[in-house]
Amino acid sequence: MYNPYAVMYDAKMTVKRWQDIETDGYTKQQAVEVARDRPCRYSSSGQVSVGAPNPAIQNSHTLFCGLDEDVREGDLVEITLRTGKTVEVTLGECHPYSFQWQCEVKREDNA
């Protein structure tokens, strides 16, 4: 199906998912890459300062990508913007719409 919003995808994302990995009889969680350089759009939607004495800035952003992408809540996503800057976010709730996923994301920075 043709996605009319795909022309606005000006960023690329690499998606990592937490999976159980067994090593020497022990099972641990490890972030495993499930997709690389996939088209997306990263949009800012708000910012809140929390905590003391070292305040953290919690940015509220939204990630848009095609319905053919395998994205799930809790995934770690590294987004490369068109400027070359990279940001790392954690996916929150994802909603499928007619042509694309709309996912809430969290990114924490220290002030």
C-alpha atoms as a PDB file:
ATOM      1  CA  MET A   1       0.000   0.000   0.000  1.00  0.00           C
ATOM      2  CA  TYR A   2       1.308   3.439  -0.907  1.00  0.00           C
ATOM      3  CA  ASN A   3       2.092   5.624   2.123  1.00  0.00           C
ATOM      4  CA  PRO A   4       1.542   9.318   1.232  1.00  0.00           C
ATOM      5  CA  TYR A   5       3.403  10.395   4.405  1.00  0.00           C
ATOM      6  CA  ALA A   6       6.623   8.590   3.417  1.00  0.00           C
ATOM      7  CA  VAL A   7       7.823  11.700   1.539  1.00  0.00           C
ATOM      8  CA  MET A   8       8.161  13.423   4.932  1.00  0.00           C
ATOM      9  CA  TYR A   9      10.414  10.706   6.410  1.00  0.00           C
ATOM     10  CA  ASP A  10      13.650  12.688   6.592  1.00  0.00           C
ATOM     11  CA  ALA A  11      15.468  10.574   9.196  1.00  0.00           C
ATOM     12  CA  LYS A  12      16.766   7.007   9.481  1.00  0.00           C
ATOM     13  CA  MET A  13      16.310   4.696  12.466  1.00  0.00           C
ATOM     14  CA  THR A  14      18.088   1.654  13.825  1.00  0.00           C
ATOM     15  CA  VAL A  15      15.852  -0.466  16.072  1.00  0.00           C
ATOM     16  CA  LYS A  16      17.147  -2.676  18.895  1.00  0.00           C
ATOM     17  CA  ARG A  17      14.988  -5.013  20.975  1.00  0.00           C
ATOM     18  CA  TRP A  18      15.712  -6.586  24.356  1.00  0.00           C
ATOM     19  CA  GLN A  19      16.061 -10.360  24.007  1.00  0.00           C
ATOM     20  CA  ASP A  20      17.150 -13.176  26.299  1.00  0.00           C
ATOM     21  CA  ILE A  21      20.661 -14.360  25.434  1.00  0.00           C
ATOM     22  CA  GLU A  22      22.137 -17.454  27.097  1.00  0.00           C
ATOM     23  CA  THR A  23      25.868 -17.349  27.819  1.00  0.00           C
ATOM     24  CA  ASP A  24      27.700 -20.021  29.853  1.00  0.00           C
ATOM     25  CA  GLY A  25      24.444 -21.276  31.354  1.00  0.00           C
ATOM     26  CA  TYR A  26      23.254 -17.794  32.349  1.00  0.00           C
ATOM     27  CA  THR A  27      20.412 -15.929  30.698  1.00  0.00           C
ATOM     28  CA  LYS A  28      20.688 -12.171  30.407  1.00  0.00           C
ATOM     29  CA  GLN A  29      18.904  -9.433  28.506  1.00  0.00           C
ATOM     30  CA  GLN A  30      20.742  -7.889  25.577  1.00  0.00           C
ATOM     31  CA  ALA A  31      19.663  -5.289  23.028  1.00  0.00           C
ATOM     32  CA  VAL A  32      19.733  -6.999  19.616  1.00  0.00           C
ATOM     33  CA  GLU A  33      19.464  -5.036  16.363  1.00  0.00           C
ATOM     34  CA  VAL A  34      16.293  -5.899  14.436  1.00  0.00           C
ATOM     35  CA  ALA A  35      16.343  -3.138  11.770  1.00  0.00           C
ATOM     36  CA  ARG A  36      18.922  -0.684  10.402  1.00  0.00           C
ATOM     37  CA  ASP A  37      18.649   2.571   8.403  1.00  0.00           C
ATOM     38  CA  ARG A  38      14.877   2.477   8.076  1.00  0.00           C
ATOM     39  CA  PRO A  39      13.052   5.699   7.027  1.00  0.00           C
ATOM     40  CA  CYS A  40      11.182   7.628   9.723  1.00  0.00           C
ATOM     41  CA  ARG A  41      10.161  11.082  10.961  1.00  0.00           C
ATOM     42  CA  TYR A  42      11.072  12.395  14.420  1.00  0.00           C
ATOM     43  CA  SER A  43       8.912  15.211  15.784  1.00  0.00           C
ATOM     44  CA  SER A  44       9.117  17.254  19.009  1.00  0.00           C
ATOM     45  CA  SER A  45       5.968  17.591  21.096  1.00  0.00           C
ATOM     46  CA  GLY A  46       7.006  18.890  24.552  1.00  0.00           C
ATOM     47  CA  GLN A  47       9.605  19.197  27.321  1.00  0.00           C
ATOM     48  CA  VAL A  48       9.465  18.941  31.148  1.00  0.00           C
ATOM     49  CA  SER A  49      12.201  19.522  33.763  1.00  0.00           C
ATOM     50  CA  VAL A  50      12.098  17.082  36.706  1.00  0.00           C
ATOM     51  CA  GLY A  51      14.255  16.199  39.714  1.00  0.00           C
ATOM     52  CA  ALA A  52      16.546  17.999  42.124  1.00  0.00           C
ATOM     53  CA  PRO A  53      19.406  18.740  42.802  1.00  0.00           C
ATOM     54  CA  ASN A  54      20.463  17.422  39.359  1.00  0.00           C
ATOM     55  CA  PRO A  55      17.453  18.169  37.187  1.00  0.00           C
ATOM     56  CA  ALA A  56      16.768  16.011  34.171  1.00  0.00           C
ATOM     57  CA  ILE A  57      14.945  17.177  31.081  1.00  0.00           C
ATOM     58  CA  GLN A  58      12.302  14.775  29.826  1.00  0.00           C
ATOM     59  CA  ASN A  59      11.495  15.454  26.200  1.00  0.00           C
ATOM     60  CA  SER A  60       8.274  14.183  24.736  1.00  0.00           C
ATOM     61  CA  HIS A  61       8.631  13.349  21.058  1.00  0.00           C
ATOM     62  CA  THR A  62       6.804  11.307  18.449  1.00  0.00           C
ATOM     63  CA  LEU A  63       8.258   8.866  15.932  1.00  0.00           C
ATOM     64  CA  PHE A  64       6.439   8.191  12.666  1.00  0.00           C
ATOM     65  CA  CYS A  65       7.252   5.279  10.347  1.00  0.00           C
ATOM     66  CA  GLY A  66       5.531   3.015   7.822  1.00  0.00           C
ATOM     67  CA  LEU A  67       3.244   0.183   8.877  1.00  0.00           C
ATOM     68  CA  ASP A  68       5.702  -2.327   7.401  1.00  0.00           C
ATOM     69  CA  GLU A  69       8.220  -1.517  10.184  1.00  0.00           C
ATOM     70  CA  ASP A  70       8.558  -3.920  13.118  1.00  0.00           C
ATOM     71  CA  VAL A  71       8.387  -1.521  16.089  1.00  0.00           C
ATOM     72  CA  ARG A  72       7.253  -2.404  19.614  1.00  0.00           C
ATOM     73  CA  GLU A  73       6.896  -0.680  22.943  1.00  0.00           C
ATOM     74  CA  GLY A  74      10.213  -0.836  24.838  1.00  0.00           C
ATOM     75  CA  ASP A  75      12.422  -0.941  21.736  1.00  0.00           C
ATOM     76  CA  LEU A  76      15.594   1.149  21.776  1.00  0.00           C
ATOM     77  CA  VAL A  77      15.837   3.353  18.698  1.00  0.00           C
ATOM     78  CA  GLU A  78      18.793   5.348  17.422  1.00  0.00           C
ATOM     79  CA  ILE A  79      17.562   8.051  15.060  1.00  0.00           C
ATOM     80  CA  THR A  80      19.894   9.791  12.621  1.00  0.00           C
ATOM     81  CA  LEU A  81      18.461  13.153  11.654  1.00  0.00           C
ATOM     82  CA  ARG A  82      19.011  14.748   8.235  1.00  0.00           C
ATOM     83  CA  THR A  83      21.642  17.006   9.861  1.00  0.00           C
ATOM     84  CA  GLY A  84      23.673  13.935  10.845  1.00  0.00           C
ATOM     85  CA  LYS A  85      22.894  14.302  14.565  1.00  0.00           C
ATOM     86  CA  THR A  86      21.863  11.087  16.315  1.00  0.00           C
ATOM     87  CA  VAL A  87      19.439  10.720  19.207  1.00  0.00           C
ATOM     88  CA  GLU A  88      18.660   7.641  21.259  1.00  0.00           C
ATOM     89  CA  VAL A  89      15.107   7.081  22.452  1.00  0.00           C
ATOM     90  CA  THR A  90      12.943   4.379  23.998  1.00  0.00           C
ATOM     91  CA  LEU A  91       9.639   3.629  22.305  1.00  0.00           C
ATOM     92  CA  GLY A  92       6.476   4.024  24.301  1.00  0.00           C
ATOM     93  CA  GLU A  93       3.001   3.212  23.095  1.00  0.00           C
ATOM     94  CA  CYS A  94       2.680   2.762  19.314  1.00  0.00           C
ATOM     95  CA  HIS A  95      -0.565   3.345  17.436  1.00  0.00           C
ATOM     96  CA  PRO A  96      -1.179   2.036  13.907  1.00  0.00           C
ATOM     97  CA  TYR A  97      -3.050   4.470  11.688  1.00  0.00           C
ATOM     98  CA  SER A  98      -4.116   4.101   8.044  1.00  0.00           C
ATOM     99  CA  PHE A  99      -0.620   4.531   6.576  1.00  0.00           C
ATOM    100  CA  GLN A 100       1.896   4.744   9.421  1.00  0.00           C
ATOM    101  CA  TRP A 101       2.844   3.977  13.002  1.00  0.00           C
ATOM    102  CA  GLN A 102       2.773   6.863  15.475  1.00  0.00           C
ATOM    103  CA  CYS A 103       4.907   6.055  18.522  1.00  0.00           C
ATOM    104  CA  GLU A 104       5.449   8.050  21.673  1.00  0.00           C
ATOM    105  CA  VAL A 105       9.129   8.158  22.608  1.00  0.00           C
ATOM    106  CA  LYS A 106      11.098   9.135  25.709  1.00  0.00           C
ATOM    107  CA  ARG A 107      14.530  10.713  25.722  1.00  0.00           C
ATOM    108  CA  GLU A 108      16.282  11.864  28.895  1.00  0.00           C
ATOM    109  CA  ASP A 109      19.012  14.478  28.997  1.00  0.00           C
ATOM    110  CA  ASN A 110      20.765  15.978  32.032  1.00  0.00           C
ATOM    111  CA  ALA A 111      20.455  19.734  32.435  1.00  0.00           C
END
